Amino acid sequence: MPITHDATTAQCHVFTLKEGMLSAIAHDLRLSVGHFTVRIEDDQSIEARFEARSLRVDCAMKQGREDFDALRSSQKREIEDNVARSVLHARRHPEIVFRSTRVTGEGSQREIEGMLVLHGTERHVRTTAMRQDDRWVAEVRLHQPDFGIEPYSAMLGTLKIQPAVRVRLSVPA
């Protein structure tokens, strides 16, 4: 029997890292996907759907730690707008979809392979899900240019986001 999770029971975070000559004035970020579903059937089939325009800035990250006071509400809204409009082009590509092609393993670890459609481009991805207490947690690194995404850049490229982002998904076990 399939089990479906959404943002009320699961979490999906996207982590970005800054780079460039002016990176000292920018922030590494943790964003949350606000609207998504993850459908798991018999621990063998996974389908996940994410709304591209639902990413919200949770906080800045400083040396791997959450910094909830680093950004004003107006800065968060500006970043969210840039992500939806200029990075993900959410009007043209409103949905991000993952479908597993293979799930293997037992105990506290699962190897998951599948196809990810992001920004209108489909690519094979692979991750390992680990049981952590009462949750399954999987993390994958995505290289934005592989999906036709130009990483965010400002001030003539002196401030930009690294091409690779980390996506972490956590669902109840």
Foldseek 3Di string as FASTA:
>chain_A
DKDKDWPVFKWKWKWWQKDFQPSVLDFTFIKTQHTKMWIQDPQWKIKIKGFQLRIFTQATADPNHGDRPPDDPVRRVVVSCCSCVPFQVCVVVGMKMWIWPGWDDDDFKIKTWTWIQGSNDIDIFIWMWGDDPFKTKIKGKDQSVVNVTDWDADDVRRMTIHRIMMMMMIGGD
